[in-house]
Amino acid sequence: MMKRIPYEPGNGTRYDLVFGRVPGITPDHEPVFMVTWLRNGGGGVSMTLRSFVPVHTYISEKLDCGEVDAKAIALFLEAAIEAEK
């Protein structure tokens, strides 16, 4: 189930994220997750990932954001994926 989560990592920023497990089964039975960063309260950019968090440069490229934002989102993803296990 997808959940809208306001994430405030303590660095003076707030991220309006949608996160959850993508329904369906992959051939290797590994879960797939999706994260969307809703910018300015509206639409945003999404990315899917397996049960590991890619490096922040990859997140930056996929979500079209800066390095600082990508690092904060990576921290969120680490905690969120761990909580889903």
N, C-alpha and C. Protein backbone atom coordinates (compact mmCIF):
# COMPACT_ATOMS: atom_id res chain seq x y z
N MET A 1 0.83 -1.17 0.00
CA MET A 1 0.00 0.00 0.00
C MET A 1 0.89 1.24 0.00
N MET A 2 0.54 2.19 -0.83
CA MET A 2 1.29 3.43 -0.91
C MET A 2 0.82 4.36 0.20
N LYS A 3 1.79 5.06 0.81
CA LYS A 3 1.48 5.99 1.89
C LYS A 3 2.14 7.33 1.60
N ARG A 4 1.41 8.39 1.88
CA ARG A 4 1.97 9.74 1.76
C ARG A 4 2.59 10.09 3.11
N ILE A 5 3.88 10.43 3.09
CA ILE A 5 4.63 10.62 4.32
C ILE A 5 5.35 11.96 4.28
N PRO A 6 5.05 12.85 5.24
CA PRO A 6 5.85 14.06 5.35
C PRO A 6 7.15 13.72 6.09
N TYR A 7 8.27 13.88 5.43
CA TYR A 7 9.55 13.50 6.01
C TYR A 7 10.35 14.75 6.33
N GLU A 8 10.71 14.92 7.60
CA GLU A 8 11.51 16.05 8.06
C GLU A 8 12.78 15.49 8.71
N PRO A 9 13.89 15.44 7.96
CA PRO A 9 15.10 14.79 8.46
C PRO A 9 15.89 15.60 9.49
N GLY A 10 15.46 16.80 9.83
CA GLY A 10 16.18 17.58 10.82
C GLY A 10 17.23 18.50 10.23
N ASN A 11 17.21 18.66 8.92
CA ASN A 11 18.19 19.57 8.29
C ASN A 11 17.52 20.85 7.79
N GLY A 12 16.33 21.14 8.35
CA GLY A 12 15.63 22.36 7.96
C GLY A 12 14.78 22.22 6.71
N THR A 13 14.62 21.00 6.23
CA THR A 13 13.83 20.76 5.03
C THR A 13 12.66 19.84 5.34
N ARG A 14 11.72 19.81 4.44
CA ARG A 14 10.57 18.90 4.55
C ARG A 14 10.32 18.30 3.17
N TYR A 15 10.16 17.01 3.15
CA TYR A 15 9.92 16.29 1.90
C TYR A 15 8.54 15.64 1.97
N ASP A 16 7.71 15.91 0.98
CA ASP A 16 6.40 15.29 0.89
C ASP A 16 6.58 14.08 -0.02
N LEU A 17 6.66 12.89 0.59
CA LEU A 17 6.98 11.67 -0.15
C LEU A 17 5.80 10.71 -0.16
N VAL A 18 5.70 9.94 -1.22
CA VAL A 18 4.78 8.80 -1.30
C VAL A 18 5.68 7.58 -1.41
N PHE A 19 5.44 6.59 -0.54
CA PHE A 19 6.30 5.41 -0.51
C PHE A 19 5.45 4.17 -0.28
N GLY A 20 5.85 3.08 -0.88
CA GLY A 20 5.19 1.81 -0.62
C GLY A 20 5.72 0.71 -1.50
N ARG A 21 5.22 -0.48 -1.20
CA ARG A 21 5.59 -1.66 -1.96
C ARG A 21 4.73 -1.73 -3.22
N VAL A 22 5.36 -2.02 -4.33
CA VAL A 22 4.65 -2.15 -5.60
C VAL A 22 4.02 -3.54 -5.65
N PRO A 23 2.72 -3.62 -5.94
CA PRO A 23 2.09 -4.94 -5.99
C PRO A 23 2.67 -5.80 -7.11
N GLY A 24 2.55 -7.08 -6.94
CA GLY A 24 3.05 -8.02 -7.93
C GLY A 24 4.28 -8.75 -7.42
N ILE A 25 4.67 -9.74 -8.16
CA ILE A 25 5.81 -10.57 -7.77
C ILE A 25 6.84 -10.52 -8.88
N THR A 26 8.08 -10.27 -8.50
CA THR A 26 9.16 -10.29 -9.47
C THR A 26 9.61 -11.74 -9.65
N PRO A 27 10.28 -12.04 -10.75
CA PRO A 27 10.73 -13.42 -10.96
C PRO A 27 11.59 -13.97 -9.82
N ASP A 28 12.35 -13.10 -9.17
CA ASP A 28 13.21 -13.56 -8.08
C ASP A 28 12.57 -13.39 -6.70
N HIS A 29 11.29 -13.02 -6.68
CA HIS A 29 10.50 -12.86 -5.44
C HIS A 29 11.05 -11.78 -4.52
N GLU A 30 11.82 -10.87 -5.06
CA GLU A 30 12.34 -9.76 -4.27
C GLU A 30 11.33 -8.62 -4.32
N PRO A 31 11.04 -7.97 -3.17
CA PRO A 31 10.07 -6.87 -3.19
C PRO A 31 10.57 -5.67 -3.98
N VAL A 32 9.64 -4.96 -4.56
CA VAL A 32 9.94 -3.74 -5.29
C VAL A 32 9.20 -2.60 -4.60
N PHE A 33 9.88 -1.49 -4.40
CA PHE A 33 9.31 -0.33 -3.74
C PHE A 33 9.30 0.85 -4.70
N MET A 34 8.43 1.80 -4.42
CA MET A 34 8.37 3.02 -5.21
C MET A 34 8.39 4.21 -4.27
N VAL A 35 9.11 5.24 -4.66
CA VAL A 35 9.09 6.50 -3.92
C VAL A 35 8.83 7.62 -4.92
N THR A 36 7.98 8.55 -4.50
CA THR A 36 7.68 9.74 -5.29
C THR A 36 7.90 10.95 -4.41
N TRP A 37 8.59 11.93 -4.92
CA TRP A 37 8.76 13.19 -4.20
C TRP A 37 7.78 14.18 -4.80
N LEU A 38 6.76 14.52 -4.01
CA LEU A 38 5.75 15.49 -4.44
C LEU A 38 6.30 16.88 -4.16
N ARG A 39 6.68 17.55 -5.19
CA ARG A 39 7.27 18.87 -5.03
C ARG A 39 6.18 19.94 -5.08
N ASN A 40 6.30 20.90 -4.22
CA ASN A 40 5.36 22.03 -4.19
C ASN A 40 3.92 21.59 -4.02
N GLY A 41 3.71 20.47 -3.31
CA GLY A 41 2.36 20.01 -3.02
C GLY A 41 1.62 19.40 -4.19
N GLY A 42 2.28 19.22 -5.30
CA GLY A 42 1.62 18.70 -6.49
C GLY A 42 2.28 17.44 -6.99
N GLY A 43 2.37 17.32 -8.29
CA GLY A 43 2.97 16.15 -8.90
C GLY A 43 4.46 16.07 -8.63
N GLY A 44 5.01 14.93 -8.95
CA GLY A 44 6.43 14.74 -8.69
C GLY A 44 7.03 13.67 -9.57
N VAL A 45 8.24 13.34 -9.25
CA VAL A 45 8.99 12.33 -9.99
C VAL A 45 9.08 11.08 -9.13
N SER A 46 8.93 9.92 -9.77
CA SER A 46 8.96 8.65 -9.05
C SER A 46 10.13 7.80 -9.50
N MET A 47 10.50 6.87 -8.63
CA MET A 47 11.48 5.85 -9.00
C MET A 47 11.13 4.57 -8.27
N THR A 48 11.47 3.45 -8.87
CA THR A 48 11.29 2.16 -8.21
C THR A 48 12.66 1.62 -7.84
N LEU A 49 12.68 0.80 -6.81
CA LEU A 49 13.93 0.19 -6.37
C LEU A 49 13.64 -1.12 -5.67
N ARG A 50 14.64 -1.96 -5.60
CA ARG A 50 14.54 -3.24 -4.91
C ARG A 50 14.78 -3.02 -3.43
N SER A 51 15.11 -4.04 -2.71
CA SER A 51 15.23 -3.95 -1.26
C SER A 51 16.58 -3.40 -0.80
N PHE A 52 17.23 -2.60 -1.62
CA PHE A 52 18.46 -1.92 -1.21
C PHE A 52 18.37 -0.48 -1.70
N VAL A 53 19.07 0.40 -1.03
CA VAL A 53 19.04 1.81 -1.40
C VAL A 53 20.25 2.12 -2.27
N PRO A 54 20.02 2.63 -3.47
CA PRO A 54 21.16 2.97 -4.33
C PRO A 54 21.90 4.20 -3.78
N VAL A 55 23.06 4.45 -4.31
CA VAL A 55 23.84 5.60 -3.88
C VAL A 55 23.09 6.89 -4.21
N HIS A 56 23.40 7.93 -3.45
CA HIS A 56 22.65 9.18 -3.59
C HIS A 56 22.78 9.81 -4.99
N THR A 57 23.87 9.55 -5.69
CA THR A 57 24.00 10.12 -7.03
C THR A 57 22.98 9.52 -7.98
N TYR A 58 22.66 8.25 -7.79
CA TYR A 58 21.64 7.60 -8.61
C TYR A 58 20.27 8.18 -8.28
N ILE A 59 19.99 8.37 -6.99
CA ILE A 59 18.72 8.96 -6.56
C ILE A 59 18.60 10.37 -7.12
N SER A 60 19.68 11.13 -7.07
CA SER A 60 19.69 12.49 -7.60
C SER A 60 19.33 12.51 -9.08
N GLU A 61 19.90 11.58 -9.82
CA GLU A 61 19.62 11.50 -11.26
C GLU A 61 18.17 11.12 -11.52
N LYS A 62 17.68 10.10 -10.84
CA LYS A 62 16.34 9.59 -11.11
C LYS A 62 15.24 10.54 -10.64
N LEU A 63 15.44 11.20 -9.48
CA LEU A 63 14.43 12.11 -8.97
C LEU A 63 14.66 13.56 -9.39
N ASP A 64 15.71 13.77 -10.20
CA ASP A 64 16.04 15.10 -10.71
C ASP A 64 16.13 16.12 -9.57
N CYS A 65 17.02 15.80 -8.63
CA CYS A 65 17.20 16.69 -7.48
C CYS A 65 18.68 16.83 -7.16
N GLY A 66 18.99 17.73 -6.27
CA GLY A 66 20.37 17.97 -5.87
C GLY A 66 20.89 16.91 -4.92
N GLU A 67 22.18 16.97 -4.69
CA GLU A 67 22.86 15.98 -3.86
C GLU A 67 22.36 15.98 -2.41
N VAL A 68 22.15 17.17 -1.83
CA VAL A 68 21.69 17.25 -0.44
C VAL A 68 20.31 16.60 -0.30
N ASP A 69 19.41 16.91 -1.23
CA ASP A 69 18.08 16.29 -1.19
C ASP A 69 18.17 14.78 -1.40
N ALA A 70 19.02 14.34 -2.31
CA ALA A 70 19.16 12.91 -2.58
C ALA A 70 19.69 12.17 -1.36
N LYS A 71 20.62 12.77 -0.63
CA LYS A 71 21.14 12.13 0.59
C LYS A 71 20.05 12.01 1.64
N ALA A 72 19.23 13.04 1.81
CA ALA A 72 18.13 13.00 2.78
C ALA A 72 17.11 11.93 2.38
N ILE A 73 16.78 11.85 1.12
CA ILE A 73 15.82 10.85 0.66
C ILE A 73 16.40 9.44 0.81
N ALA A 74 17.70 9.28 0.60
CA ALA A 74 18.34 7.97 0.80
C ALA A 74 18.21 7.53 2.26
N LEU A 75 18.37 8.44 3.20
CA LEU A 75 18.20 8.10 4.62
C LEU A 75 16.76 7.66 4.90
N PHE A 76 15.81 8.37 4.30
CA PHE A 76 14.41 7.98 4.45
C PHE A 76 14.19 6.57 3.90
N LEU A 77 14.71 6.32 2.71
CA LEU A 77 14.51 5.02 2.07
C LEU A 77 15.12 3.88 2.88
N GLU A 78 16.28 4.09 3.45
CA GLU A 78 16.91 3.06 4.28
C GLU A 78 15.99 2.67 5.42
N ALA A 79 15.45 3.65 6.13
CA ALA A 79 14.57 3.38 7.26
C ALA A 79 13.24 2.78 6.80
N ALA A 80 12.67 3.30 5.72
CA ALA A 80 11.37 2.82 5.25
C ALA A 80 11.45 1.39 4.74
N ILE A 81 12.49 1.06 4.00
CA ILE A 81 12.63 -0.31 3.49
C ILE A 81 12.89 -1.28 4.63
N GLU A 82 13.69 -0.88 5.59
CA GLU A 82 13.95 -1.73 6.75
C GLU A 82 12.66 -2.00 7.52
N ALA A 83 11.82 -1.00 7.65
CA ALA A 83 10.54 -1.16 8.36
C ALA A 83 9.59 -2.09 7.62
N GLU A 84 9.73 -2.19 6.31
CA GLU A 84 8.87 -3.06 5.50
C GLU A 84 9.30 -4.52 5.55
N LYS A 85 10.50 -4.79 6.01
CA LYS A 85 11.00 -6.18 6.02
C LYS A 85 10.38 -6.98 7.14
